[in-house]
Amino acid sequence: MDIIVTGKHLDVTEPIRDYAEQRLEKITRYYDRASKAEVILGKEESTGYAVEIIVHVDHHEHFVAEDDGDDLYKCIDLATDKAARQVHDYKEKVRSHKG
């Protein structure tokens, strides 16, 4: 899975990029047809940090998960968990229709 990490009003350092990529790799454990993930990290005046994850899956509209807060790493964790749950639920739905 290709993972693209970008920042809005935020410099994406190598440790942050590595952390986001490492967390998103777990999505392929749930569903191997996830072809690409975009991670958009932003610095917001009101909430601190904002994280948006867009997961592109074959033969389906993309999944979007967001989180914001004052700890960037925690936001990455929570948004990744939301995206993983969406992909996992989709896989279960597809599996139940085939069986």
PDB file of N, CA and C in Angstrom:
ATOM      1  N   MET A   1       0.849  -1.171   0.000  1.00  0.00           N
ATOM      2  CA  MET A   1       0.000   0.000   0.000  1.00  0.00           C
ATOM      3  C   MET A   1       0.895   1.234   0.000  1.00  0.00           C
ATOM      4  N   ASP A   2       0.589   2.154  -0.896  1.00  0.00           N
ATOM      5  CA  ASP A   2       1.306   3.429  -0.941  1.00  0.00           C
ATOM      6  C   ASP A   2       0.755   4.338   0.143  1.00  0.00           C
ATOM      7  N   ILE A   3       1.640   4.972   0.901  1.00  0.00           N
ATOM      8  CA  ILE A   3       1.232   5.886   1.961  1.00  0.00           C
ATOM      9  C   ILE A   3       1.867   7.240   1.686  1.00  0.00           C
ATOM     10  N   ILE A   4       1.026   8.263   1.597  1.00  0.00           N
ATOM     11  CA  ILE A   4       1.487   9.622   1.339  1.00  0.00           C
ATOM     12  C   ILE A   4       1.171  10.461   2.573  1.00  0.00           C
ATOM     13  N   VAL A   5       2.189  11.073   3.154  1.00  0.00           N
ATOM     14  CA  VAL A   5       2.014  11.897   4.346  1.00  0.00           C
ATOM     15  C   VAL A   5       2.332  13.340   3.972  1.00  0.00           C
ATOM     16  N   THR A   6       1.375  14.241   4.177  1.00  0.00           N
ATOM     17  CA  THR A   6       1.581  15.651   3.886  1.00  0.00           C
ATOM     18  C   THR A   6       1.182  16.485   5.099  1.00  0.00           C
ATOM     19  N   GLY A   7       1.657  17.714   5.115  1.00  0.00           N
ATOM     20  CA  GLY A   7       1.346  18.613   6.219  1.00  0.00           C
ATOM     21  C   GLY A   7       0.762  19.923   5.742  1.00  0.00           C
ATOM     22  N   LYS A   8      -0.173  20.443   6.506  1.00  0.00           N
ATOM     23  CA  LYS A   8      -0.744  21.766   6.257  1.00  0.00           C
ATOM     24  C   LYS A   8      -0.378  22.642   7.447  1.00  0.00           C
ATOM     25  N   HIS A   9       0.390  23.678   7.183  1.00  0.00           N
ATOM     26  CA  HIS A   9       0.859  24.580   8.244  1.00  0.00           C
ATOM     27  C   HIS A   9       1.684  23.821   9.283  1.00  0.00           C
ATOM     28  N   LEU A  10       2.359  22.761   8.824  1.00  0.00           N
ATOM     29  CA  LEU A  10       3.117  21.890   9.721  1.00  0.00           C
ATOM     30  C   LEU A  10       4.234  21.223   8.925  1.00  0.00           C
ATOM     31  N   ASP A  11       5.435  21.266   9.464  1.00  0.00           N
ATOM     32  CA  ASP A  11       6.538  20.540   8.835  1.00  0.00           C
ATOM     33  C   ASP A  11       6.466  19.084   9.271  1.00  0.00           C
ATOM     34  N   VAL A  12       6.409  18.178   8.314  1.00  0.00           N
ATOM     35  CA  VAL A  12       6.348  16.748   8.618  1.00  0.00           C
ATOM     36  C   VAL A  12       7.774  16.245   8.754  1.00  0.00           C
ATOM     37  N   THR A  13       8.165  15.937   9.982  1.00  0.00           N
ATOM     38  CA  THR A  13       9.507  15.430  10.229  1.00  0.00           C
ATOM     39  C   THR A  13       9.571  13.944   9.910  1.00  0.00           C
ATOM     40  N   GLU A  14      10.762  13.430   9.787  1.00  0.00           N
ATOM     41  CA  GLU A  14      10.948  12.009   9.476  1.00  0.00           C
ATOM     42  C   GLU A  14      10.341  11.095  10.556  1.00  0.00           C
ATOM     43  N   PRO A  15      10.523  11.394  11.861  1.00  0.00           N
ATOM     44  CA  PRO A  15       9.889  10.538  12.877  1.00  0.00           C
ATOM     45  C   PRO A  15       8.357  10.536  12.791  1.00  0.00           C
ATOM     46  N   ILE A  16       7.763  11.680  12.499  1.00  0.00           N
ATOM     47  CA  ILE A  16       6.303  11.736  12.373  1.00  0.00           C
ATOM     48  C   ILE A  16       5.860  10.932  11.154  1.00  0.00           C
ATOM     49  N   ARG A  17       6.570  11.089  10.028  1.00  0.00           N
ATOM     50  CA  ARG A  17       6.240  10.342   8.811  1.00  0.00           C
ATOM     51  C   ARG A  17       6.368   8.829   9.063  1.00  0.00           C
ATOM     52  N   ASP A  18       7.450   8.410   9.696  1.00  0.00           N
ATOM     53  CA  ASP A  18       7.658   6.986   9.980  1.00  0.00           C
ATOM     54  C   ASP A  18       6.563   6.441  10.881  1.00  0.00           C
ATOM     55  N   TYR A  19       6.179   7.226  11.889  1.00  0.00           N
ATOM     56  CA  TYR A  19       5.146   6.787  12.827  1.00  0.00           C
ATOM     57  C   TYR A  19       3.808   6.600  12.104  1.00  0.00           C
ATOM     58  N   ALA A  20       3.430   7.576  11.290  1.00  0.00           N
ATOM     59  CA  ALA A  20       2.167   7.485  10.553  1.00  0.00           C
ATOM     60  C   ALA A  20       2.181   6.290   9.600  1.00  0.00           C
ATOM     61  N   GLU A  21       3.283   6.089   8.900  1.00  0.00           N
ATOM     62  CA  GLU A  21       3.376   4.956   7.971  1.00  0.00           C
ATOM     63  C   GLU A  21       3.290   3.634   8.707  1.00  0.00           C
ATOM     64  N   GLN A  22       3.975   3.539   9.835  1.00  0.00           N
ATOM     65  CA  GLN A  22       3.959   2.305  10.634  1.00  0.00           C
ATOM     66  C   GLN A  22       2.542   1.998  11.119  1.00  0.00           C
ATOM     67  N   ARG A  23       1.823   3.009  11.590  1.00  0.00           N
ATOM     68  CA  ARG A  23       0.459   2.802  12.080  1.00  0.00           C
ATOM     69  C   ARG A  23      -0.485   2.397  10.945  1.00  0.00           C
ATOM     70  N   LEU A  24      -0.300   2.959   9.770  1.00  0.00           N
ATOM     71  CA  LEU A  24      -1.202   2.657   8.662  1.00  0.00           C
ATOM     72  C   LEU A  24      -0.945   1.298   8.032  1.00  0.00           C
ATOM     73  N   GLU A  25       0.232   0.754   8.220  1.00  0.00           N
ATOM     74  CA  GLU A  25       0.521  -0.568   7.666  1.00  0.00           C
ATOM     75  C   GLU A  25      -0.430  -1.625   8.214  1.00  0.00           C
ATOM     76  N   LYS A  26      -0.973  -1.404   9.403  1.00  0.00           N
ATOM     77  CA  LYS A  26      -1.861  -2.406   9.985  1.00  0.00           C
ATOM     78  C   LYS A  26      -3.171  -2.533   9.226  1.00  0.00           C
ATOM     79  N   ILE A  27      -3.519  -1.518   8.436  1.00  0.00           N
ATOM     80  CA  ILE A  27      -4.759  -1.595   7.663  1.00  0.00           C
ATOM     81  C   ILE A  27      -4.687  -2.729   6.645  1.00  0.00           C
ATOM     82  N   THR A  28      -3.505  -2.985   6.105  1.00  0.00           N
ATOM     83  CA  THR A  28      -3.383  -4.068   5.131  1.00  0.00           C
ATOM     84  C   THR A  28      -3.594  -5.436   5.781  1.00  0.00           C
ATOM     85  N   ARG A  29      -3.451  -5.517   7.096  1.00  0.00           N
ATOM     86  CA  ARG A  29      -3.771  -6.778   7.776  1.00  0.00           C
ATOM     87  C   ARG A  29      -5.260  -7.045   7.728  1.00  0.00           C
ATOM     88  N   TYR A  30      -6.070  -5.979   7.750  1.00  0.00           N
ATOM     89  CA  TYR A  30      -7.512  -6.144   7.731  1.00  0.00           C
ATOM     90  C   TYR A  30      -8.038  -6.386   6.314  1.00  0.00           C
ATOM     91  N   TYR A  31      -7.407  -5.723   5.349  1.00  0.00           N
ATOM     92  CA  TYR A  31      -7.923  -5.824   3.987  1.00  0.00           C
ATOM     93  C   TYR A  31      -6.788  -5.530   3.025  1.00  0.00           C
ATOM     94  N   ASP A  32      -6.397  -6.526   2.246  1.00  0.00           N
ATOM     95  CA  ASP A  32      -5.232  -6.381   1.373  1.00  0.00           C
ATOM     96  C   ASP A  32      -5.519  -5.621   0.085  1.00  0.00           C
ATOM     97  N   ARG A  33      -6.765  -5.224  -0.134  1.00  0.00           N
ATOM     98  CA  ARG A  33      -7.091  -4.457  -1.335  1.00  0.00           C
ATOM     99  C   ARG A  33      -7.063  -2.950  -1.102  1.00  0.00           C
ATOM    100  N   ALA A  34      -6.514  -2.540   0.013  1.00  0.00           N
ATOM    101  CA  ALA A  34      -6.295  -1.110   0.243  1.00  0.00           C
ATOM    102  C   ALA A  34      -5.056  -0.736  -0.569  1.00  0.00           C
ATOM    103  N   SER A  35      -5.245   0.119  -1.563  1.00  0.00           N
ATOM    104  CA  SER A  35      -4.158   0.404  -2.491  1.00  0.00           C
ATOM    105  C   SER A  35      -3.342   1.636  -2.119  1.00  0.00           C
ATOM    106  N   LYS A  36      -3.972   2.587  -1.445  1.00  0.00           N
ATOM    107  CA  LYS A  36      -3.283   3.833  -1.155  1.00  0.00           C
ATOM    108  C   LYS A  36      -3.904   4.489   0.062  1.00  0.00           C
ATOM    109  N   ALA A  37      -3.075   5.168   0.838  1.00  0.00           N
ATOM    110  CA  ALA A  37      -3.568   5.935   1.980  1.00  0.00           C
ATOM    111  C   ALA A  37      -2.909   7.308   1.969  1.00  0.00           C
ATOM    112  N   GLU A  38      -3.717   8.319   2.182  1.00  0.00           N
ATOM    113  CA  GLU A  38      -3.219   9.680   2.281  1.00  0.00           C
ATOM    114  C   GLU A  38      -3.412  10.147   3.717  1.00  0.00           C
ATOM    115  N   VAL A  39      -2.357  10.682   4.302  1.00  0.00           N
ATOM    116  CA  VAL A  39      -2.418  11.211   5.655  1.00  0.00           C
ATOM    117  C   VAL A  39      -2.145  12.711   5.568  1.00  0.00           C
ATOM    118  N   ILE A  40      -3.090  13.490   6.029  1.00  0.00           N
ATOM    119  CA  ILE A  40      -2.937  14.942   6.003  1.00  0.00           C
ATOM    120  C   ILE A  40      -2.876  15.419   7.449  1.00  0.00           C
ATOM    121  N   LEU A  41      -1.717  15.941   7.826  1.00  0.00           N
ATOM    122  CA  LEU A  41      -1.498  16.432   9.178  1.00  0.00           C
ATOM    123  C   LEU A  41      -1.569  17.948   9.150  1.00  0.00           C
ATOM    124  N   GLY A  42      -2.315  18.520  10.067  1.00  0.00           N
ATOM    125  CA  GLY A  42      -2.458  19.967  10.064  1.00  0.00           C
ATOM    126  C   GLY A  42      -2.324  20.568  11.446  1.00  0.00           C
ATOM    127  N   LYS A  43      -1.930  21.803  11.460  1.00  0.00           N
ATOM    128  CA  LYS A  43      -1.836  22.574  12.703  1.00  0.00           C
ATOM    129  C   LYS A  43      -2.993  23.561  12.697  1.00  0.00           C
ATOM    130  N   GLU A  44      -3.863  23.462  13.698  1.00  0.00           N
ATOM    131  CA  GLU A  44      -5.033  24.313  13.810  1.00  0.00           C
ATOM    132  C   GLU A  44      -4.893  25.208  15.034  1.00  0.00           C
ATOM    133  N   GLU A  45      -5.356  26.444  14.922  1.00  0.00           N
ATOM    134  CA  GLU A  45      -5.282  27.360  16.057  1.00  0.00           C
ATOM    135  C   GLU A  45      -6.222  26.939  17.177  1.00  0.00           C
ATOM    136  N   SER A  46      -7.405  26.475  16.823  1.00  0.00           N
ATOM    137  CA  SER A  46      -8.419  26.188  17.835  1.00  0.00           C
ATOM    138  C   SER A  46      -8.223  24.839  18.533  1.00  0.00           C
ATOM    139  N   THR A  47      -7.879  23.798  17.786  1.00  0.00           N
ATOM    140  CA  THR A  47      -7.816  22.459  18.371  1.00  0.00           C
ATOM    141  C   THR A  47      -6.400  21.943  18.577  1.00  0.00           C
ATOM    142  N   GLY A  48      -5.419  22.560  18.017  1.00  0.00           N
ATOM    143  CA  GLY A  48      -4.048  22.065  18.105  1.00  0.00           C
ATOM    144  C   GLY A  48      -3.655  21.392  16.804  1.00  0.00           C
ATOM    145  N   TYR A  49      -3.902  20.102  16.722  1.00  0.00           N
ATOM    146  CA  TYR A  49      -3.555  19.332  15.524  1.00  0.00           C
ATOM    147  C   TYR A  49      -4.802  18.672  14.952  1.00  0.00           C
ATOM    148  N   ALA A  50      -4.794  18.494  13.646  1.00  0.00           N
ATOM    149  CA  ALA A  50      -5.872  17.794  12.955  1.00  0.00           C
ATOM    150  C   ALA A  50      -5.246  16.757  12.035  1.00  0.00           C
ATOM    151  N   VAL A  51      -5.812  15.566  12.038  1.00  0.00           N
ATOM    152  CA  VAL A  51      -5.326  14.476  11.202  1.00  0.00           C
ATOM    153  C   VAL A  51      -6.493  13.955  10.376  1.00  0.00           C
ATOM    154  N   GLU A  52      -6.272  13.839   9.083  1.00  0.00           N
ATOM    155  CA  GLU A  52      -7.263  13.252   8.184  1.00  0.00           C
ATOM    156  C   GLU A  52      -6.587  12.123   7.423  1.00  0.00           C
ATOM    157  N   ILE A  53      -7.225  10.970   7.410  1.00  0.00           N
ATOM    158  CA  ILE A  53      -6.693   9.807   6.702  1.00  0.00           C
ATOM    159  C   ILE A  53      -7.719   9.390   5.655  1.00  0.00           C
ATOM    160  N   ILE A  54      -7.256   9.260   4.430  1.00  0.00           N
ATOM    161  CA  ILE A  54      -8.103   8.824   3.325  1.00  0.00           C
ATOM    162  C   ILE A  54      -7.521   7.511   2.803  1.00  0.00           C
ATOM    163  N   VAL A  55      -8.310   6.447   2.879  1.00  0.00           N
ATOM    164  CA  VAL A  55      -7.867   5.127   2.430  1.00  0.00           C
ATOM    165  C   VAL A  55      -8.606   4.777   1.150  1.00  0.00           C
ATOM    166  N   HIS A  56      -7.843   4.494   0.104  1.00  0.00           N
ATOM    167  CA  HIS A  56      -8.410   4.113  -1.189  1.00  0.00           C
ATOM    168  C   HIS A  56      -8.443   2.590  -1.269  1.00  0.00           C
ATOM    169  N   VAL A  57      -9.633   2.052  -1.542  1.00  0.00           N
ATOM    170  CA  VAL A  57      -9.838   0.606  -1.610  1.00  0.00           C
ATOM    171  C   VAL A  57     -10.386   0.274  -2.992  1.00  0.00           C
ATOM    172  N   ASP A  58      -9.913  -0.822  -3.557  1.00  0.00           N
ATOM    173  CA  ASP A  58     -10.391  -1.249  -4.871  1.00  0.00           C
ATOM    174  C   ASP A  58     -11.897  -1.500  -4.843  1.00  0.00           C
ATOM    175  N   HIS A  59     -12.588  -1.029  -5.872  1.00  0.00           N
ATOM    176  CA  HIS A  59     -14.014  -1.273  -6.088  1.00  0.00           C
ATOM    177  C   HIS A  59     -14.901  -0.698  -4.978  1.00  0.00           C
ATOM    178  N   HIS A  60     -14.485   0.402  -4.380  1.00  0.00           N
ATOM    179  CA  HIS A  60     -15.287   1.050  -3.346  1.00  0.00           C
ATOM    180  C   HIS A  60     -14.869   2.509  -3.241  1.00  0.00           C
ATOM    181  N   GLU A  61     -15.779   3.345  -2.771  1.00  0.00           N
ATOM    182  CA  GLU A  61     -15.403   4.722  -2.505  1.00  0.00           C
ATOM    183  C   GLU A  61     -14.381   4.730  -1.370  1.00  0.00           C
ATOM    184  N   HIS A  62     -13.588   5.776  -1.312  1.00  0.00           N
ATOM    185  CA  HIS A  62     -12.546   5.808  -0.291  1.00  0.00           C
ATOM    186  C   HIS A  62     -13.144   6.054   1.091  1.00  0.00           C
ATOM    187  N   PHE A  63     -12.402   5.615   2.100  1.00  0.00           N
ATOM    188  CA  PHE A  63     -12.801   5.786   3.495  1.00  0.00           C
ATOM    189  C   PHE A  63     -12.061   6.991   4.064  1.00  0.00           C
ATOM    190  N   VAL A  64     -12.751   7.775   4.870  1.00  0.00           N
ATOM    191  CA  VAL A  64     -12.152   8.971   5.465  1.00  0.00           C
ATOM    192  C   VAL A  64     -12.303   8.892   6.975  1.00  0.00           C
ATOM    193  N   ALA A  65     -11.189   9.131   7.679  1.00  0.00           N
ATOM    194  CA  ALA A  65     -11.209   9.169   9.144  1.00  0.00           C
ATOM    195  C   ALA A  65     -10.476  10.419   9.597  1.00  0.00           C
ATOM    196  N   GLU A  66     -11.031  11.074  10.610  1.00  0.00           N
ATOM    197  CA  GLU A  66     -10.447  12.322  11.096  1.00  0.00           C
ATOM    198  C   GLU A  66     -10.367  12.314  12.616  1.00  0.00           C
ATOM    199  N   ASP A  67      -9.431  13.079  13.122  1.00  0.00           N
ATOM    200  CA  ASP A  67      -9.341  13.306  14.558  1.00  0.00           C
ATOM    201  C   ASP A  67      -8.570  14.600  14.784  1.00  0.00           C
ATOM    202  N   ASP A  68      -8.837  15.248  15.903  1.00  0.00           N
ATOM    203  CA  ASP A  68      -8.076  16.436  16.256  1.00  0.00           C
ATOM    204  C   ASP A  68      -7.870  16.490  17.756  1.00  0.00           C
ATOM    205  N   GLY A  69      -6.847  17.218  18.155  1.00  0.00           N
ATOM    206  CA  GLY A  69      -6.523  17.341  19.568  1.00  0.00           C
ATOM    207  C   GLY A  69      -5.176  18.010  19.751  1.00  0.00           C
ATOM    208  N   ASP A  70      -4.679  17.982  20.973  1.00  0.00           N
ATOM    209  CA  ASP A  70      -3.431  18.684  21.267  1.00  0.00           C
ATOM    210  C   ASP A  70      -2.186  17.802  21.170  1.00  0.00           C
ATOM    211  N   ASP A  71      -2.349  16.501  20.965  1.00  0.00           N
ATOM    212  CA  ASP A  71      -1.221  15.574  20.837  1.00  0.00           C
ATOM    213  C   ASP A  71      -1.256  14.945  19.441  1.00  0.00           C
ATOM    214  N   LEU A  72      -0.284  15.272  18.616  1.00  0.00           N
ATOM    215  CA  LEU A  72      -0.278  14.811  17.226  1.00  0.00           C
ATOM    216  C   LEU A  72      -0.231  13.284  17.131  1.00  0.00           C
ATOM    217  N   TYR A  73       0.599  12.652  17.933  1.00  0.00           N
ATOM    218  CA  TYR A  73       0.718  11.193  17.874  1.00  0.00           C
ATOM    219  C   TYR A  73      -0.588  10.509  18.290  1.00  0.00           C
ATOM    220  N   LYS A  74      -1.257  11.047  19.285  1.00  0.00           N
ATOM    221  CA  LYS A  74      -2.535  10.484  19.713  1.00  0.00           C
ATOM    222  C   LYS A  74      -3.578  10.654  18.618  1.00  0.00           C
ATOM    223  N   CYS A  75      -3.566  11.793  17.933  1.00  0.00           N
ATOM    224  CA  CYS A  75      -4.492  12.022  16.820  1.00  0.00           C
ATOM    225  C   CYS A  75      -4.247  11.029  15.688  1.00  0.00           C
ATOM    226  N   ILE A  76      -2.977  10.767  15.405  1.00  0.00           N
ATOM    227  CA  ILE A  76      -2.645   9.771  14.376  1.00  0.00           C
ATOM    228  C   ILE A  76      -3.178   8.404  14.788  1.00  0.00           C
ATOM    229  N   ASP A  77      -2.973   8.036  16.052  1.00  0.00           N
ATOM    230  CA  ASP A  77      -3.467   6.747  16.551  1.00  0.00           C
ATOM    231  C   ASP A  77      -4.979   6.630  16.410  1.00  0.00           C
ATOM    232  N   LEU A  78      -5.705   7.643  16.869  1.00  0.00           N
ATOM    233  CA  LEU A  78      -7.167   7.587  16.847  1.00  0.00           C
ATOM    234  C   LEU A  78      -7.723   7.591  15.428  1.00  0.00           C
ATOM    235  N   ALA A  79      -7.153   8.408  14.558  1.00  0.00           N
ATOM    236  CA  ALA A  79      -7.620   8.444  13.169  1.00  0.00           C
ATOM    237  C   ALA A  79      -7.310   7.121  12.459  1.00  0.00           C
ATOM    238  N   THR A  80      -6.144   6.551  12.747  1.00  0.00           N
ATOM    239  CA  THR A  80      -5.789   5.256  12.152  1.00  0.00           C
ATOM    240  C   THR A  80      -6.737   4.166  12.633  1.00  0.00           C
ATOM    241  N   ASP A  81      -7.075   4.185  13.915  1.00  0.00           N
ATOM    242  CA  ASP A  81      -8.018   3.197  14.445  1.00  0.00           C
ATOM    243  C   ASP A  81      -9.387   3.333  13.781  1.00  0.00           C
ATOM    244  N   LYS A  82      -9.833   4.566  13.568  1.00  0.00           N
ATOM    245  CA  LYS A  82     -11.123   4.790  12.897  1.00  0.00           C
ATOM    246  C   LYS A  82     -11.087   4.267  11.465  1.00  0.00           C
ATOM    247  N   ALA A  83     -10.006   4.550  10.752  1.00  0.00           N
ATOM    248  CA  ALA A  83      -9.884   4.085   9.372  1.00  0.00           C
ATOM    249  C   ALA A  83      -9.824   2.558   9.321  1.00  0.00           C
ATOM    250  N   ALA A  84      -9.080   1.961  10.237  1.00  0.00           N
ATOM    251  CA  ALA A  84      -8.972   0.499  10.277  1.00  0.00           C
ATOM    252  C   ALA A  84     -10.331  -0.138  10.560  1.00  0.00           C
ATOM    253  N   ARG A  85     -11.099   0.460  11.437  1.00  0.00           N
ATOM    254  CA  ARG A  85     -12.433  -0.072  11.749  1.00  0.00           C
ATOM    255  C   ARG A  85     -13.338   0.011  10.523  1.00  0.00           C
ATOM    256  N   GLN A  86     -13.283   1.123   9.791  1.00  0.00           N
ATOM    257  CA  GLN A  86     -14.108   1.252   8.590  1.00  0.00           C
ATOM    258  C   GLN A  86     -13.747   0.191   7.553  1.00  0.00           C
ATOM    259  N   VAL A  87     -12.457  -0.001   7.343  1.00  0.00           N
ATOM    260  CA  VAL A  87     -12.005  -0.990   6.359  1.00  0.00           C
ATOM    261  C   VAL A  87     -12.363  -2.399   6.819  1.00  0.00           C
ATOM    262  N   HIS A  88     -12.185  -2.683   8.101  1.00  0.00           N
ATOM    263  CA  HIS A  88     -12.517  -4.004   8.644  1.00  0.00           C
ATOM    264  C   HIS A  88     -14.015  -4.275   8.509  1.00  0.00           C
ATOM    265  N   ASP A  89     -14.851  -3.294   8.846  1.00  0.00           N
ATOM    266  CA  ASP A  89     -16.295  -3.472   8.722  1.00  0.00           C
ATOM    267  C   ASP A  89     -16.701  -3.701   7.266  1.00  0.00           C
ATOM    268  N   TYR A  90     -16.062  -2.999   6.344  1.00  0.00           N
ATOM    269  CA  TYR A  90     -16.349  -3.198   4.928  1.00  0.00           C
ATOM    270  C   TYR A  90     -15.967  -4.614   4.500  1.00  0.00           C
ATOM    271  N   LYS A  91     -14.819  -5.080   4.954  1.00  0.00           N
ATOM    272  CA  LYS A  91     -14.382  -6.438   4.611  1.00  0.00           C
ATOM    273  C   LYS A  91     -15.381  -7.471   5.132  1.00  0.00           C
ATOM    274  N   GLU A  92     -15.850  -7.284   6.357  1.00  0.00           N
ATOM    275  CA  GLU A  92     -16.824  -8.210   6.928  1.00  0.00           C
ATOM    276  C   GLU A  92     -18.134  -8.189   6.143  1.00  0.00           C
ATOM    277  N   LYS A  93     -18.529  -7.010   5.698  1.00  0.00           N
ATOM    278  CA  LYS A  93     -19.758  -6.891   4.914  1.00  0.00           C
ATOM    279  C   LYS A  93     -19.617  -7.618   3.589  1.00  0.00           C
ATOM    280  N   VAL A  94     -18.467  -7.453   2.935  1.00  0.00           N
ATOM    281  CA  VAL A  94     -18.215  -8.131   1.672  1.00  0.00           C
ATOM    282  C   VAL A  94     -18.173  -9.635   1.876  1.00  0.00           C
ATOM    283  N   ARG A  95     -17.519 -10.064   2.936  1.00  0.00           N
ATOM    284  CA  ARG A  95     -17.394 -11.492   3.226  1.00  0.00           C
ATOM    285  C   ARG A  95     -18.761 -12.110   3.510  1.00  0.00           C
ATOM    286  N   SER A  96     -19.637 -11.422   4.236  1.00  0.00           N
ATOM    287  CA  SER A  96     -20.945 -11.981   4.574  1.00  0.00           C
ATOM    288  C   SER A  96     -21.849 -12.085   3.356  1.00  0.00           C
ATOM    289  N   HIS A  97     -21.651 -11.220   2.354  1.00  0.00           N
ATOM    290  CA  HIS A  97     -22.459 -11.293   1.136  1.00  0.00           C
ATOM    291  C   HIS A  97     -22.004 -12.409   0.207  1.00  0.00           C
ATOM    292  N   LYS A  98     -20.735 -12.783   0.304  1.00  0.00           N
ATOM    293  CA  LYS A  98     -20.227 -13.862  -0.543  1.00  0.00           C
ATOM    294  C   LYS A  98     -20.636 -15.228   0.005  1.00  0.00           C
ATOM    295  N   GLY A  99     -20.760 -15.320   1.308  1.00  0.00           N
ATOM    296  CA  GLY A  99     -21.023 -16.602   1.954  1.00  0.00           C
ATOM    297  C   GLY A  99     -22.440 -16.943   1.998  1.00  0.00           C
TER     298      GLY A  99
END
